[in-house]
N, C-alpha and C. Protein backbone atom coordinates (compact mmCIF):
# COMPACT_ATOMS: atom_id res chain seq x y z
N MET A 1 28.00 9.73 26.10
CA MET A 1 28.78 10.78 25.55
C MET A 1 29.93 9.95 24.11
N LEU A 2 29.71 8.48 24.39
CA LEU A 2 30.83 8.64 23.62
C LEU A 2 29.93 8.05 22.32
N ILE A 3 29.04 7.53 22.27
CA ILE A 3 27.95 7.28 21.64
C ILE A 3 28.15 7.99 20.49
N ASN A 4 27.66 9.14 21.20
CA ASN A 4 27.66 10.70 20.75
C ASN A 4 28.75 10.62 19.38
N ILE A 5 29.91 10.98 20.95
CA ILE A 5 31.55 11.03 20.17
C ILE A 5 31.39 10.07 18.41
N LEU A 6 31.54 8.64 18.92
CA LEU A 6 31.58 7.73 17.97
C LEU A 6 30.43 7.61 16.66
N THR A 7 29.52 8.70 16.80
CA THR A 7 28.65 9.14 16.00
C THR A 7 28.84 9.82 14.92
N ILE A 8 29.43 11.35 15.51
CA ILE A 8 29.74 12.59 14.07
C ILE A 8 31.26 12.18 14.11
N ALA A 9 31.64 11.33 14.18
CA ALA A 9 33.35 11.68 13.94
C ALA A 9 33.90 11.78 12.81
N TYR A 10 33.16 10.42 12.50
CA TYR A 10 34.31 9.90 10.48
C TYR A 10 32.85 11.21 9.64
N PRO A 11 31.65 11.54 9.78
CA PRO A 11 31.64 12.25 9.45
C PRO A 11 31.81 13.75 9.58
N VAL A 12 31.90 15.09 10.62
CA VAL A 12 32.69 15.92 11.10
C VAL A 12 34.28 15.31 9.97
N ALA A 13 35.24 14.53 10.12
CA ALA A 13 36.02 14.53 9.09
C ALA A 13 36.13 14.15 8.17
N GLN A 14 34.64 14.45 7.21
CA GLN A 14 35.25 13.82 6.14
C GLN A 14 34.05 14.77 5.41
N SER A 15 33.50 15.75 5.85
CA SER A 15 32.81 17.11 5.80
C SER A 15 33.71 18.13 4.83
N TYR A 16 34.71 18.40 4.83
CA TYR A 16 35.06 19.30 4.23
C TYR A 16 36.17 18.59 2.49
N GLU A 17 35.83 17.25 2.74
CA GLU A 17 35.85 16.52 1.31
C GLU A 17 35.49 16.94 0.31
N HIS A 18 36.78 17.19 -0.91
CA HIS A 18 36.19 18.40 -1.61
C HIS A 18 35.31 18.08 -2.88
N ARG A 19 35.09 16.53 -3.23
CA ARG A 19 34.00 16.88 -3.87
C ARG A 19 32.91 16.63 -3.32
N LEU A 20 32.15 16.69 -2.06
CA LEU A 20 31.55 16.48 -1.42
C LEU A 20 30.80 17.41 -1.40
N ARG A 21 31.94 18.49 -0.39
CA ARG A 21 31.66 19.51 -0.23
C ARG A 21 30.49 19.39 0.62
N PHE A 22 30.36 19.06 1.71
CA PHE A 22 28.92 18.63 2.44
C PHE A 22 28.43 19.89 3.35
N LEU A 23 29.88 20.81 3.79
CA LEU A 23 29.01 22.03 4.44
C LEU A 23 28.36 23.14 4.07
N LYS A 24 29.06 23.42 2.56
CA LYS A 24 28.10 23.72 1.83
C LYS A 24 26.66 24.35 2.07
N ASN A 25 25.95 23.25 2.35
CA ASN A 25 24.70 23.34 2.33
C ASN A 25 24.68 24.01 3.84
N TRP A 26 25.42 24.46 4.62
CA TRP A 26 25.03 24.46 6.51
C TRP A 26 24.28 25.15 6.57
N LYS A 27 23.71 26.16 5.96
CA LYS A 27 22.07 26.04 6.40
C LYS A 27 20.99 25.42 6.60
N ALA A 28 21.08 25.16 5.58
CA ALA A 28 19.70 23.72 5.71
C ALA A 28 20.51 22.73 6.68
N ILE A 29 21.77 22.56 6.64
CA ILE A 29 21.87 21.80 7.97
C ILE A 29 21.49 21.66 9.24
N VAL A 30 21.95 23.16 9.47
CA VAL A 30 21.83 23.88 10.68
C VAL A 30 20.40 24.13 11.07
N GLY A 31 18.88 25.00 9.52
CA GLY A 31 18.00 24.50 9.30
C GLY A 31 17.38 23.15 10.36
N SER A 32 17.49 22.25 9.59
CA SER A 32 16.35 20.74 10.03
C SER A 32 17.11 20.46 11.04
N ILE A 33 18.13 20.80 11.41
CA ILE A 33 18.51 19.88 12.84
C ILE A 33 18.10 20.47 13.76
N ALA A 34 17.90 22.45 13.58
CA ALA A 34 17.47 22.86 14.72
C ALA A 34 16.05 22.51 14.99
N ILE A 35 15.32 22.92 13.66
CA ILE A 35 13.52 22.68 13.49
C ILE A 35 13.30 21.31 14.22
N VAL A 36 13.69 20.62 13.26
CA VAL A 36 13.66 18.86 13.98
C VAL A 36 13.49 18.73 15.29
N GLY A 37 15.25 19.12 15.70
CA GLY A 37 15.95 18.57 16.80
C GLY A 37 14.56 19.39 17.97
N SER A 38 13.99 20.78 17.86
CA SER A 38 13.53 20.94 18.97
C SER A 38 12.30 20.95 19.32
N ILE A 39 11.30 20.26 18.34
CA ILE A 39 9.93 18.97 18.17
C ILE A 39 10.36 18.33 18.99
N TYR A 40 11.54 17.58 18.99
CA TYR A 40 11.78 16.08 19.30
C TYR A 40 12.39 16.13 20.14
N LEU A 41 12.78 17.10 20.62
CA LEU A 41 12.69 17.31 22.34
C LEU A 41 12.18 17.22 23.05
N ALA A 42 11.13 18.48 22.43
CA ALA A 42 9.90 18.88 23.87
C ALA A 42 9.30 17.23 24.20
N TRP A 43 9.18 16.22 22.92
CA TRP A 43 8.43 15.18 22.80
C TRP A 43 9.30 14.29 23.73
N ASP A 44 10.73 14.14 23.84
CA ASP A 44 11.87 13.56 24.72
C ASP A 44 11.60 13.84 25.96
N GLU A 45 10.78 15.41 26.08
CA GLU A 45 11.14 15.64 27.93
C GLU A 45 9.74 15.15 28.22
N LEU A 46 8.97 15.37 27.33
CA LEU A 46 7.78 15.10 28.08
C LEU A 46 7.38 13.66 28.13
N PHE A 47 8.08 12.87 27.49
CA PHE A 47 7.75 11.09 27.76
C PHE A 47 8.55 10.64 28.93
N THR A 48 9.87 11.78 29.05
CA THR A 48 10.74 11.21 29.87
C THR A 48 9.50 11.71 31.58
N GLN A 49 9.43 12.56 31.95
CA GLN A 49 8.53 13.15 32.62
C GLN A 49 7.29 12.21 33.37
N LEU A 50 6.60 11.57 31.63
CA LEU A 50 5.45 10.43 32.10
C LEU A 50 6.06 9.47 32.40
N GLN A 51 7.81 9.23 32.19
CA GLN A 51 8.25 7.89 32.74
C GLN A 51 7.67 7.09 31.68
N VAL A 52 7.76 7.47 30.53
CA VAL A 52 7.87 6.51 29.07
C VAL A 52 9.16 5.86 28.93
N TRP A 53 9.98 6.25 28.89
CA TRP A 53 11.26 6.30 29.02
C TRP A 53 12.03 7.18 30.12
N GLY A 54 13.53 6.92 30.24
CA GLY A 54 14.32 7.16 31.07
C GLY A 54 15.46 6.81 30.83
N PHE A 55 16.52 7.60 31.71
CA PHE A 55 17.75 7.16 31.70
C PHE A 55 18.43 7.00 32.15
N ASN A 56 19.72 6.47 32.74
CA ASN A 56 20.82 5.22 33.60
C ASN A 56 21.77 6.00 33.93
N GLN A 57 21.71 6.91 35.12
CA GLN A 57 22.54 8.02 35.52
C GLN A 57 24.12 6.93 35.22
N ARG A 58 24.14 5.59 35.78
CA ARG A 58 25.14 5.02 35.28
C ARG A 58 25.96 4.99 34.27
N TYR A 59 25.57 5.19 33.57
CA TYR A 59 25.79 5.36 31.75
C TYR A 59 26.05 6.97 31.53
N VAL A 60 25.52 8.22 32.41
CA VAL A 60 25.33 9.37 31.94
C VAL A 60 26.10 10.99 32.71
N THR A 61 26.15 11.59 32.32
CA THR A 61 26.62 12.59 33.35
C THR A 61 26.17 13.19 34.05
N SER A 62 26.28 14.49 35.03
CA SER A 62 25.38 14.33 35.79
C SER A 62 24.83 15.95 35.66
N ILE A 63 25.04 16.02 34.60
CA ILE A 63 24.51 17.29 34.03
C ILE A 63 22.63 16.56 32.90
N TYR A 64 21.72 18.01 33.86
CA TYR A 64 20.56 17.29 32.92
C TYR A 64 20.10 19.08 32.67
N ILE A 65 19.31 18.76 31.67
CA ILE A 65 18.53 20.55 31.54
C ILE A 65 17.05 19.94 31.51
N GLY A 66 16.79 20.20 32.48
CA GLY A 66 15.42 19.59 32.66
C GLY A 66 15.09 18.32 33.14
N GLU A 67 14.46 16.89 32.24
CA GLU A 67 14.41 15.39 32.95
C GLU A 67 15.72 15.07 31.98
N LEU A 68 16.86 15.49 31.19
CA LEU A 68 17.07 15.34 30.16
C LEU A 68 18.47 15.57 30.65
N PRO A 69 19.62 14.65 29.93
CA PRO A 69 20.95 14.40 30.56
C PRO A 69 21.71 15.10 29.21
N MET A 70 22.44 16.18 30.22
CA MET A 70 23.23 16.73 28.31
C MET A 70 23.39 15.89 27.22
N GLU A 71 23.89 14.15 27.02
CA GLU A 71 24.22 13.76 25.89
C GLU A 71 23.38 13.49 24.72
N GLU A 72 21.69 13.60 25.67
CA GLU A 72 20.70 13.64 24.76
C GLU A 72 20.50 14.43 23.97
N TYR A 73 20.84 15.73 24.43
CA TYR A 73 20.58 16.66 23.41
C TYR A 73 22.24 17.23 22.68
N GLY A 74 23.04 16.56 23.41
CA GLY A 74 23.73 15.96 21.53
C GLY A 74 23.56 14.86 20.87
N PHE A 75 22.72 13.75 20.96
CA PHE A 75 21.92 13.27 20.40
C PHE A 75 21.11 13.91 18.98
N PHE A 76 20.49 15.36 19.63
CA PHE A 76 19.61 15.11 18.76
C PHE A 76 20.75 16.32 17.58
N LEU A 77 21.84 16.56 17.30
CA LEU A 77 23.09 17.02 17.42
C LEU A 77 23.71 16.05 16.44
N THR A 78 23.71 14.86 16.82
CA THR A 78 24.86 14.25 15.73
C THR A 78 24.19 13.56 15.29
N VAL A 79 23.02 12.80 15.34
CA VAL A 79 22.65 12.16 14.74
C VAL A 79 22.04 12.41 13.28
N PRO A 80 21.20 13.70 13.32
CA PRO A 80 21.29 13.98 12.09
C PRO A 80 21.72 14.72 11.57
N PHE A 81 23.13 15.49 11.82
CA PHE A 81 24.32 15.12 11.12
C PHE A 81 24.79 14.18 10.75
N ALA A 82 24.68 13.12 10.89
CA ALA A 82 25.64 12.35 10.59
C ALA A 82 24.84 11.26 9.56
N CYS A 83 23.33 11.55 10.01
CA CYS A 83 22.43 10.85 8.36
C CYS A 83 22.33 11.55 8.04
N LEU A 84 21.89 13.19 7.51
CA LEU A 84 22.18 14.16 6.23
C LEU A 84 23.44 13.67 5.83
N PHE A 85 24.80 13.38 6.21
CA PHE A 85 25.90 13.21 5.43
C PHE A 85 25.90 11.94 5.05
N VAL A 86 25.56 10.95 5.15
CA VAL A 86 24.90 9.45 4.74
C VAL A 86 24.36 10.21 3.59
N TYR A 87 23.53 11.04 3.62
CA TYR A 87 22.05 11.05 2.05
C TYR A 87 22.82 11.73 1.84
N GLU A 88 23.72 12.71 1.65
CA GLU A 88 24.84 13.46 0.70
C GLU A 88 25.08 12.84 -0.01
N VAL A 89 25.83 12.00 0.94
CA VAL A 89 27.61 10.60 -0.05
C VAL A 89 26.46 9.86 -0.47
N LEU A 90 25.81 9.53 -0.53
CA LEU A 90 24.66 8.28 -1.06
C LEU A 90 24.69 9.08 -2.83
N ASN A 91 23.72 10.14 -2.26
CA ASN A 91 23.71 11.45 -2.96
C ASN A 91 24.74 11.24 -4.35
N TYR A 92 25.42 11.12 -3.52
CA TYR A 92 27.14 11.83 -4.85
C TYR A 92 26.86 10.22 -5.41
N PHE A 93 27.89 9.90 -4.80
CA PHE A 93 28.45 8.81 -5.04
C PHE A 93 27.12 7.12 -6.33
N VAL A 94 26.21 7.20 -5.97
CA VAL A 94 24.58 6.21 -6.21
C VAL A 94 24.06 7.10 -6.91
N LYS A 95 24.91 7.33 -8.60
CA LYS A 95 23.64 8.46 -9.30
C LYS A 95 22.90 7.82 -9.93
N LYS A 96 22.20 6.75 -9.99
CA LYS A 96 20.78 6.02 -10.18
C LYS A 96 20.27 5.98 -8.58
N ASP A 97 18.81 7.11 -8.57
CA ASP A 97 18.15 6.47 -8.13
C ASP A 97 17.63 5.08 -7.48
N ILE A 98 18.17 4.62 -7.49
CA ILE A 98 17.84 2.63 -7.48
C ILE A 98 16.12 2.14 -6.82
N LEU A 99 15.93 2.85 -6.13
CA LEU A 99 14.54 2.90 -5.24
C LEU A 99 12.98 4.24 -5.73
N GLY A 100 13.92 4.77 -6.76
CA GLY A 100 12.64 6.15 -7.13
C GLY A 100 11.73 5.58 -7.48
N LYS A 101 11.45 4.23 -8.16
CA LYS A 101 10.42 3.88 -9.23
C LYS A 101 9.53 2.64 -8.37
N TYR A 102 10.18 2.61 -6.52
CA TYR A 102 9.11 1.89 -5.50
C TYR A 102 8.86 2.65 -4.74
N ARG A 103 8.90 4.32 -4.65
CA ARG A 103 8.44 4.88 -3.67
C ARG A 103 8.09 5.05 -3.16
N LEU A 104 6.46 5.07 -3.96
CA LEU A 104 5.19 5.00 -3.76
C LEU A 104 5.05 3.72 -2.98
N ALA A 105 5.36 3.00 -3.33
CA ALA A 105 4.78 1.40 -3.24
C ALA A 105 5.02 1.85 -1.61
N ILE A 106 6.79 1.77 -1.19
CA ILE A 106 7.23 1.71 -0.03
C ILE A 106 6.87 2.77 0.82
N THR A 107 6.70 3.97 0.38
CA THR A 107 5.48 5.12 1.28
C THR A 107 4.04 4.14 1.58
N TRP A 108 3.48 3.42 0.82
CA TRP A 108 2.21 2.99 1.11
C TRP A 108 2.36 1.37 2.22
N CYS A 109 3.50 0.89 1.88
CA CYS A 109 3.96 0.20 2.95
C CYS A 109 3.95 0.17 3.80
N PHE A 110 4.37 1.77 4.70
CA PHE A 110 5.03 1.93 5.37
C PHE A 110 3.97 2.59 6.16
N PHE A 111 3.05 3.27 5.77
CA PHE A 111 1.85 3.90 6.51
C PHE A 111 1.21 2.75 6.48
N LEU A 112 0.65 2.45 5.31
CA LEU A 112 -0.52 1.40 6.01
C LEU A 112 -0.06 0.41 7.70
N VAL A 113 1.29 -0.10 7.91
CA VAL A 113 1.80 -0.67 8.43
C VAL A 113 1.61 0.22 10.16
N SER A 114 2.02 1.70 9.66
CA SER A 114 2.05 2.41 10.82
C SER A 114 0.71 2.45 11.34
N LEU A 115 0.04 3.05 10.38
CA LEU A 115 -1.46 3.03 11.24
C LEU A 115 -2.25 2.27 11.71
N ILE A 116 -2.35 0.73 11.05
CA ILE A 116 -2.80 0.10 11.79
C ILE A 116 -2.36 -0.12 12.97
N LEU A 117 -0.63 -0.29 13.24
CA LEU A 117 -0.28 -0.97 14.17
C LEU A 117 -0.23 0.75 15.33
N GLY A 118 -0.50 1.64 15.04
CA GLY A 118 -1.00 2.66 15.43
C GLY A 118 -2.23 2.32 16.10
N VAL A 119 -3.15 2.19 15.52
CA VAL A 119 -4.70 2.02 15.82
C VAL A 119 -4.72 0.74 16.85
N PHE A 120 -3.46 -0.53 16.52
CA PHE A 120 -4.21 -1.44 17.25
C PHE A 120 -3.34 -1.41 19.00
N LEU A 121 -2.61 -0.71 18.79
CA LEU A 121 -1.63 -0.43 20.34
C LEU A 121 -2.14 0.78 20.93
N TYR A 122 -3.21 1.27 20.40
CA TYR A 122 -3.66 2.97 21.82
C TYR A 122 -3.93 1.73 22.68
N PRO A 123 -4.10 2.81 23.38
CA PRO A 123 -3.77 3.68 24.15
C PRO A 123 -2.20 3.82 24.50
N ARG A 124 -1.60 2.70 23.96
CA ARG A 124 0.13 2.61 25.18
C ARG A 124 0.83 4.01 23.35
N ILE A 125 1.25 4.37 24.91
CA ILE A 125 1.33 6.38 24.53
C ILE A 125 2.69 6.42 23.68
N TYR A 126 3.60 5.49 23.96
CA TYR A 126 4.75 5.40 22.96
C TYR A 126 4.21 4.91 21.77
N SER A 127 4.05 3.88 21.92
CA SER A 127 3.23 2.97 20.52
C SER A 127 2.71 3.54 19.35
N SER A 128 1.64 4.60 20.00
CA SER A 128 0.54 5.24 19.50
C SER A 128 0.96 6.39 18.66
N SER A 129 1.59 7.09 19.55
CA SER A 129 2.12 8.52 19.16
C SER A 129 3.16 8.15 17.99
N VAL A 130 4.32 7.31 18.29
CA VAL A 130 5.27 7.46 17.09
C VAL A 130 4.62 6.29 15.74
N PHE A 131 3.64 6.16 15.62
CA PHE A 131 3.11 5.34 14.13
C PHE A 131 2.39 6.21 13.63
N PHE A 132 1.72 7.09 15.00
CA PHE A 132 -0.09 7.59 14.19
C PHE A 132 1.66 9.22 13.59
N LEU A 133 2.40 9.26 14.03
CA LEU A 133 3.27 10.37 13.61
C LEU A 133 3.85 10.13 12.12
N CYS A 134 3.84 8.42 12.49
CA CYS A 134 4.73 8.43 10.99
C CYS A 134 3.28 8.08 10.22
N ALA A 135 2.57 7.83 10.00
CA ALA A 135 1.38 7.58 9.05
C ALA A 135 0.87 8.55 8.83
N PHE A 136 0.80 10.25 9.54
CA PHE A 136 0.69 11.27 9.16
C PHE A 136 1.37 11.72 8.15
N LEU A 137 2.99 11.44 8.33
CA LEU A 137 3.99 12.21 8.08
C LEU A 137 3.67 11.58 6.18
N LEU A 138 4.09 10.12 6.54
CA LEU A 138 3.83 9.31 5.18
C LEU A 138 2.69 9.90 4.20
N SER A 139 1.22 10.21 4.97
CA SER A 139 0.17 10.36 4.38
C SER A 139 0.83 11.43 3.62
N TYR A 140 1.01 12.53 3.99
CA TYR A 140 1.32 13.82 3.50
C TYR A 140 2.26 13.90 2.07
N GLN A 141 3.63 12.91 2.14
CA GLN A 141 3.78 12.50 1.13
C GLN A 141 3.21 12.09 0.32
N LEU A 142 2.64 11.19 0.30
CA LEU A 142 1.68 10.61 -0.90
C LEU A 142 0.95 11.52 -1.32
N PHE A 143 -0.30 12.32 -0.17
CA PHE A 143 -1.50 12.94 -1.00
C PHE A 143 -0.89 14.70 -1.26
N VAL A 144 0.20 15.25 -0.51
CA VAL A 144 0.58 16.46 -0.92
C VAL A 144 2.02 16.39 -1.66
N ALA A 145 3.39 16.01 -1.05
CA ALA A 145 3.80 16.79 -1.25
C ALA A 145 4.50 15.89 -2.67
N LYS A 146 4.47 14.52 -2.36
CA LYS A 146 5.30 13.98 -3.10
C LYS A 146 6.17 14.24 -3.53
N SER A 147 7.09 14.28 -2.76
CA SER A 147 8.86 14.16 -2.80
C SER A 147 9.61 13.32 -4.17
N ASN A 148 10.21 14.37 -4.83
CA ASN A 148 10.68 13.48 -5.95
C ASN A 148 11.65 12.84 -5.88
N TRP A 149 12.55 12.93 -4.39
CA TRP A 149 13.82 13.02 -3.57
C TRP A 149 13.27 11.35 -2.28
N LEU A 150 12.24 10.64 -2.53
CA LEU A 150 11.77 10.12 -1.27
C LEU A 150 12.83 8.65 -1.56
N GLY A 151 13.12 8.55 -2.75
CA GLY A 151 13.21 7.16 -2.70
C GLY A 151 15.06 7.48 -2.66
N ARG A 152 15.63 8.66 -2.78
CA ARG A 152 17.00 8.30 -2.44
C ARG A 152 16.77 7.95 -0.65
N PHE A 153 15.55 9.23 -0.11
CA PHE A 153 15.45 9.08 1.07
C PHE A 153 15.50 7.49 1.95
N TYR A 154 15.02 6.75 1.00
CA TYR A 154 14.81 5.48 1.60
C TYR A 154 15.63 4.59 1.67
N LEU A 155 16.54 5.15 0.42
CA LEU A 155 17.77 4.33 0.56
C LEU A 155 18.73 4.66 1.55
N THR A 156 18.65 5.77 1.58
CA THR A 156 19.75 6.71 3.43
C THR A 156 19.01 5.90 4.77
N PHE A 157 17.72 6.04 4.51
CA PHE A 157 17.03 5.26 5.62
C PHE A 157 17.23 4.02 6.20
N PHE A 158 17.59 2.95 5.03
CA PHE A 158 17.82 1.63 5.09
C PHE A 158 19.55 1.18 5.34
N VAL A 159 20.49 2.10 4.57
CA VAL A 159 21.77 2.29 4.90
C VAL A 159 21.61 2.75 6.38
N CYS A 160 21.18 4.01 6.93
CA CYS A 160 21.02 4.30 8.10
C CYS A 160 20.60 3.01 9.76
N LEU A 161 19.60 2.24 8.76
CA LEU A 161 19.38 0.51 10.44
C LEU A 161 20.77 0.37 9.89
N ILE A 162 21.33 -0.05 9.63
CA ILE A 162 23.02 -0.86 9.78
C ILE A 162 23.48 -0.09 11.25
N PRO A 163 23.71 1.17 11.39
CA PRO A 163 24.46 2.03 12.20
C PRO A 163 23.25 1.98 13.36
N PHE A 164 22.29 2.61 13.28
CA PHE A 164 21.38 2.58 14.08
C PHE A 164 20.86 1.36 14.70
N THR A 165 21.50 0.19 14.20
CA THR A 165 21.29 -0.95 15.31
C THR A 165 21.75 -1.22 15.52
N ILE A 166 23.40 -0.92 15.33
CA ILE A 166 24.46 -0.94 16.54
C ILE A 166 24.11 -0.24 17.26
N MET A 167 24.36 1.53 17.35
CA MET A 167 24.01 2.21 18.50
C MET A 167 23.17 1.93 19.05
N ASN A 168 21.58 1.26 18.96
CA ASN A 168 20.24 1.58 19.88
C ASN A 168 20.43 0.16 20.48
N GLY A 169 21.02 -0.45 19.89
CA GLY A 169 21.07 -1.51 20.37
C GLY A 169 22.58 -1.45 21.75
N TRP A 170 23.28 -0.82 21.80
CA TRP A 170 24.26 -0.78 22.69
C TRP A 170 24.00 0.93 23.62
N LEU A 171 22.88 1.48 23.15
CA LEU A 171 21.78 2.22 24.51
C LEU A 171 20.36 1.36 24.49
N THR A 172 20.37 0.34 24.96
CA THR A 172 19.19 -0.11 25.26
C THR A 172 19.58 -1.66 25.97
N GLY A 173 20.92 -1.83 25.86
CA GLY A 173 21.35 -2.60 26.87
C GLY A 173 21.88 -4.07 25.96
N GLY A 174 22.08 -3.47 24.70
CA GLY A 174 22.62 -5.11 23.97
C GLY A 174 24.01 -5.32 24.60
N PHE A 175 24.95 -4.03 24.45
CA PHE A 175 26.36 -4.70 25.18
C PHE A 175 26.75 -3.81 26.57
N THR A 176 25.61 -3.47 27.31
CA THR A 176 25.94 -3.57 28.52
C THR A 176 25.92 -3.94 29.46
N GLU A 177 25.34 -3.96 30.81
CA GLU A 177 25.32 -4.41 31.86
C GLU A 177 23.84 -4.24 31.91
N GLN A 178 23.57 -3.28 31.90
CA GLN A 178 22.81 -2.62 32.22
C GLN A 178 22.00 -1.68 30.81
N PRO A 179 20.74 -1.19 31.26
CA PRO A 179 20.37 -0.58 29.43
C PRO A 179 20.40 0.90 29.58
N ILE A 180 21.68 1.54 29.13
CA ILE A 180 21.50 3.31 29.07
C ILE A 180 20.35 3.92 29.21
N VAL A 181 19.12 3.75 27.87
CA VAL A 181 17.98 4.53 28.04
C VAL A 181 16.88 3.03 28.33
N TRP A 182 15.90 3.39 29.00
CA TRP A 182 15.39 2.08 29.54
C TRP A 182 13.83 2.72 29.03
N TYR A 183 12.98 1.78 29.20
CA TYR A 183 11.74 1.78 28.13
C TYR A 183 10.52 1.08 29.00
N ASN A 184 9.21 1.34 29.40
CA ASN A 184 8.57 1.10 30.59
C ASN A 184 7.35 0.65 28.96
N ASN A 185 7.61 -0.88 29.58
CA ASN A 185 6.66 -1.66 28.55
C ASN A 185 5.00 -1.88 28.80
N LEU A 186 4.81 -0.63 29.67
CA LEU A 186 3.62 -0.08 29.78
C LEU A 186 3.12 0.52 28.56
N GLU A 187 3.96 1.33 28.12
CA GLU A 187 3.29 2.25 27.21
C GLU A 187 3.85 2.05 25.63
N ASN A 188 4.67 0.56 25.65
CA ASN A 188 4.86 0.63 24.05
C ASN A 188 4.69 -0.73 23.81
N SER A 189 4.54 -2.24 22.37
CA SER A 189 4.55 -3.04 22.54
C SER A 189 4.69 -3.99 22.67
N GLY A 190 5.97 -4.05 23.34
CA GLY A 190 6.51 -4.90 24.00
C GLY A 190 7.60 -5.91 23.60
N LEU A 191 7.37 -5.60 22.20
CA LEU A 191 8.24 -6.24 20.47
C LEU A 191 9.41 -5.86 20.22
N ARG A 192 10.57 -7.04 20.33
CA ARG A 192 11.94 -6.16 20.56
C ARG A 192 12.75 -6.78 19.27
N LEU A 193 13.85 -5.89 18.76
CA LEU A 193 14.37 -6.39 17.68
C LEU A 193 15.71 -6.04 18.45
N GLY A 194 15.91 -7.89 19.13
CA GLY A 194 17.03 -7.93 20.31
C GLY A 194 17.08 -7.02 21.50
N SER A 195 17.87 -6.47 21.57
CA SER A 195 17.18 -5.53 23.08
C SER A 195 16.40 -4.07 22.44
N ILE A 196 16.27 -3.46 21.50
CA ILE A 196 16.20 -2.20 20.32
C ILE A 196 14.39 -2.60 20.04
N PRO A 197 13.29 -1.39 21.20
CA PRO A 197 11.91 -1.33 21.09
C PRO A 197 11.67 -1.41 19.72
N LEU A 198 9.98 -2.07 18.78
CA LEU A 198 9.92 -2.15 17.83
C LEU A 198 9.85 -0.56 17.40
N GLU A 199 9.30 -0.01 18.81
CA GLU A 199 8.55 1.83 17.80
C GLU A 199 10.01 2.47 17.33
N ASP A 200 11.67 2.03 17.90
CA ASP A 200 12.78 2.76 17.69
C ASP A 200 12.36 2.79 15.99
N SER A 201 12.64 1.60 15.33
CA SER A 201 12.71 2.17 13.66
C SER A 201 11.96 2.73 13.06
N PHE A 202 10.88 2.99 13.62
CA PHE A 202 9.31 3.86 13.03
C PHE A 202 9.80 5.50 13.99
N TYR A 203 10.41 5.68 15.41
CA TYR A 203 11.09 7.02 15.64
C TYR A 203 12.22 7.44 14.42
N GLN A 204 12.52 6.52 13.88
CA GLN A 204 13.82 6.99 13.63
C GLN A 204 13.29 7.22 11.84
N LEU A 205 12.45 6.48 11.24
CA LEU A 205 11.90 7.41 10.49
C LEU A 205 11.25 7.97 10.28
N SER A 206 10.36 8.36 10.74
CA SER A 206 9.75 10.43 11.26
C SER A 206 10.58 11.18 11.02
N TYR A 207 11.28 10.74 12.35
CA TYR A 207 12.56 11.28 12.44
C TYR A 207 13.38 11.86 11.63
N LEU A 208 14.16 10.71 10.51
CA LEU A 208 14.47 11.15 9.41
C LEU A 208 13.93 12.03 8.26
N LEU A 209 12.86 11.93 7.84
CA LEU A 209 11.77 11.76 7.16
C LEU A 209 11.22 13.64 6.97
N LEU A 210 11.37 14.09 8.35
CA LEU A 210 11.05 15.22 8.62
C LEU A 210 12.81 16.16 8.66
N ILE A 211 13.48 15.69 8.98
CA ILE A 211 14.81 16.39 9.27
C ILE A 211 15.39 16.62 7.57
N VAL A 212 15.43 14.96 6.30
CA VAL A 212 15.94 15.54 5.56
C VAL A 212 14.18 16.42 4.49
N SER A 213 12.99 16.49 4.97
CA SER A 213 11.77 16.80 4.16
C SER A 213 12.29 18.90 4.40
N VAL A 214 13.13 18.88 5.70
CA VAL A 214 13.54 20.16 6.08
C VAL A 214 14.21 20.75 5.09
N TYR A 215 15.56 19.60 5.14
CA TYR A 215 16.43 20.20 4.86
C TYR A 215 16.09 20.46 2.72
N GLU A 216 15.47 19.91 2.09
CA GLU A 216 15.40 19.97 1.29
C GLU A 216 14.74 21.08 0.70
N ARG A 217 13.37 21.93 1.83
CA ARG A 217 13.63 22.57 1.42
C ARG A 217 13.76 23.72 1.41
N VAL A 218 15.10 24.06 2.65
CA VAL A 218 15.75 25.11 2.72
C VAL A 218 16.63 25.22 1.09
N LYS A 219 17.29 23.66 1.20
CA LYS A 219 17.87 23.83 -0.28
C LYS A 219 17.94 24.23 -0.97
N PHE A 220 16.54 23.70 -1.45
CA PHE A 220 15.06 24.51 -2.62
C PHE A 220 15.47 25.94 -2.51
N ARG A 221 15.21 26.46 -1.68
CA ARG A 221 14.33 27.85 -1.42
C ARG A 221 16.00 28.32 -1.82
N LYS A 222 17.35 27.93 -1.27
CA LYS A 222 18.88 28.88 -2.12
C LYS A 222 18.70 28.38 -3.08
N SER A 223 18.28 27.12 -3.69
CA SER A 223 18.96 27.99 -5.22
C SER A 223 17.84 28.25 -6.02
N TYR A 224 16.52 27.96 -5.55
CA TYR A 224 15.55 28.99 -6.17
C TYR A 224 16.12 30.21 -6.62
N LYS A 225 16.19 31.00 -5.08
CA LYS A 225 16.80 32.72 -4.90
C LYS A 225 18.06 33.01 -5.87
N ALA A 226 19.17 31.70 -5.81
CA ALA A 226 20.28 32.01 -6.79
C ALA A 226 20.01 32.17 -8.42
């Protein structure tokens, strides 16, 4: 619960900032969080039931919905809200799309790495599912969508890796006596960045890519109607 509060505190406090006016896009914010969050919560529930990962009762409340503690539902509200806030802040203050001309190269790189790791680590459930999902979403951007906001998305993703490493390190036992979220290493690569499974970085990539995709689509439809 504390991690959720720290994640969202500053974005909420600055959401009414007069230059950014982040909450003017509330329909896109709510829509993207609800649509993508429902998909990932179903995935989360399934993998918790399959013991791919789980939660240490020492660090969460006793309120559960299905197999997931209440705080896990909060995670799918606070993290996307904070990341979309970072996305809009960077769009406003960094006028130049500094990664725009590299967006296809970055996408190809992530796509190939995801595809290779997915094949190599099959049938480990967490590894194969997250890497294949990443490869699918990236291939859609390469061959179908070809979104012009990809460069700005990657800038957001790389910036968000900083708080992600801190918060996920906290969740996986980097700063606590026991991990808050534990992983079954039989279902992942076993490779960790500190205490963080390698797969979590690609999980974040796929999650944020879907969030921004829905967010930008809703914003586009709103502006088109206007």
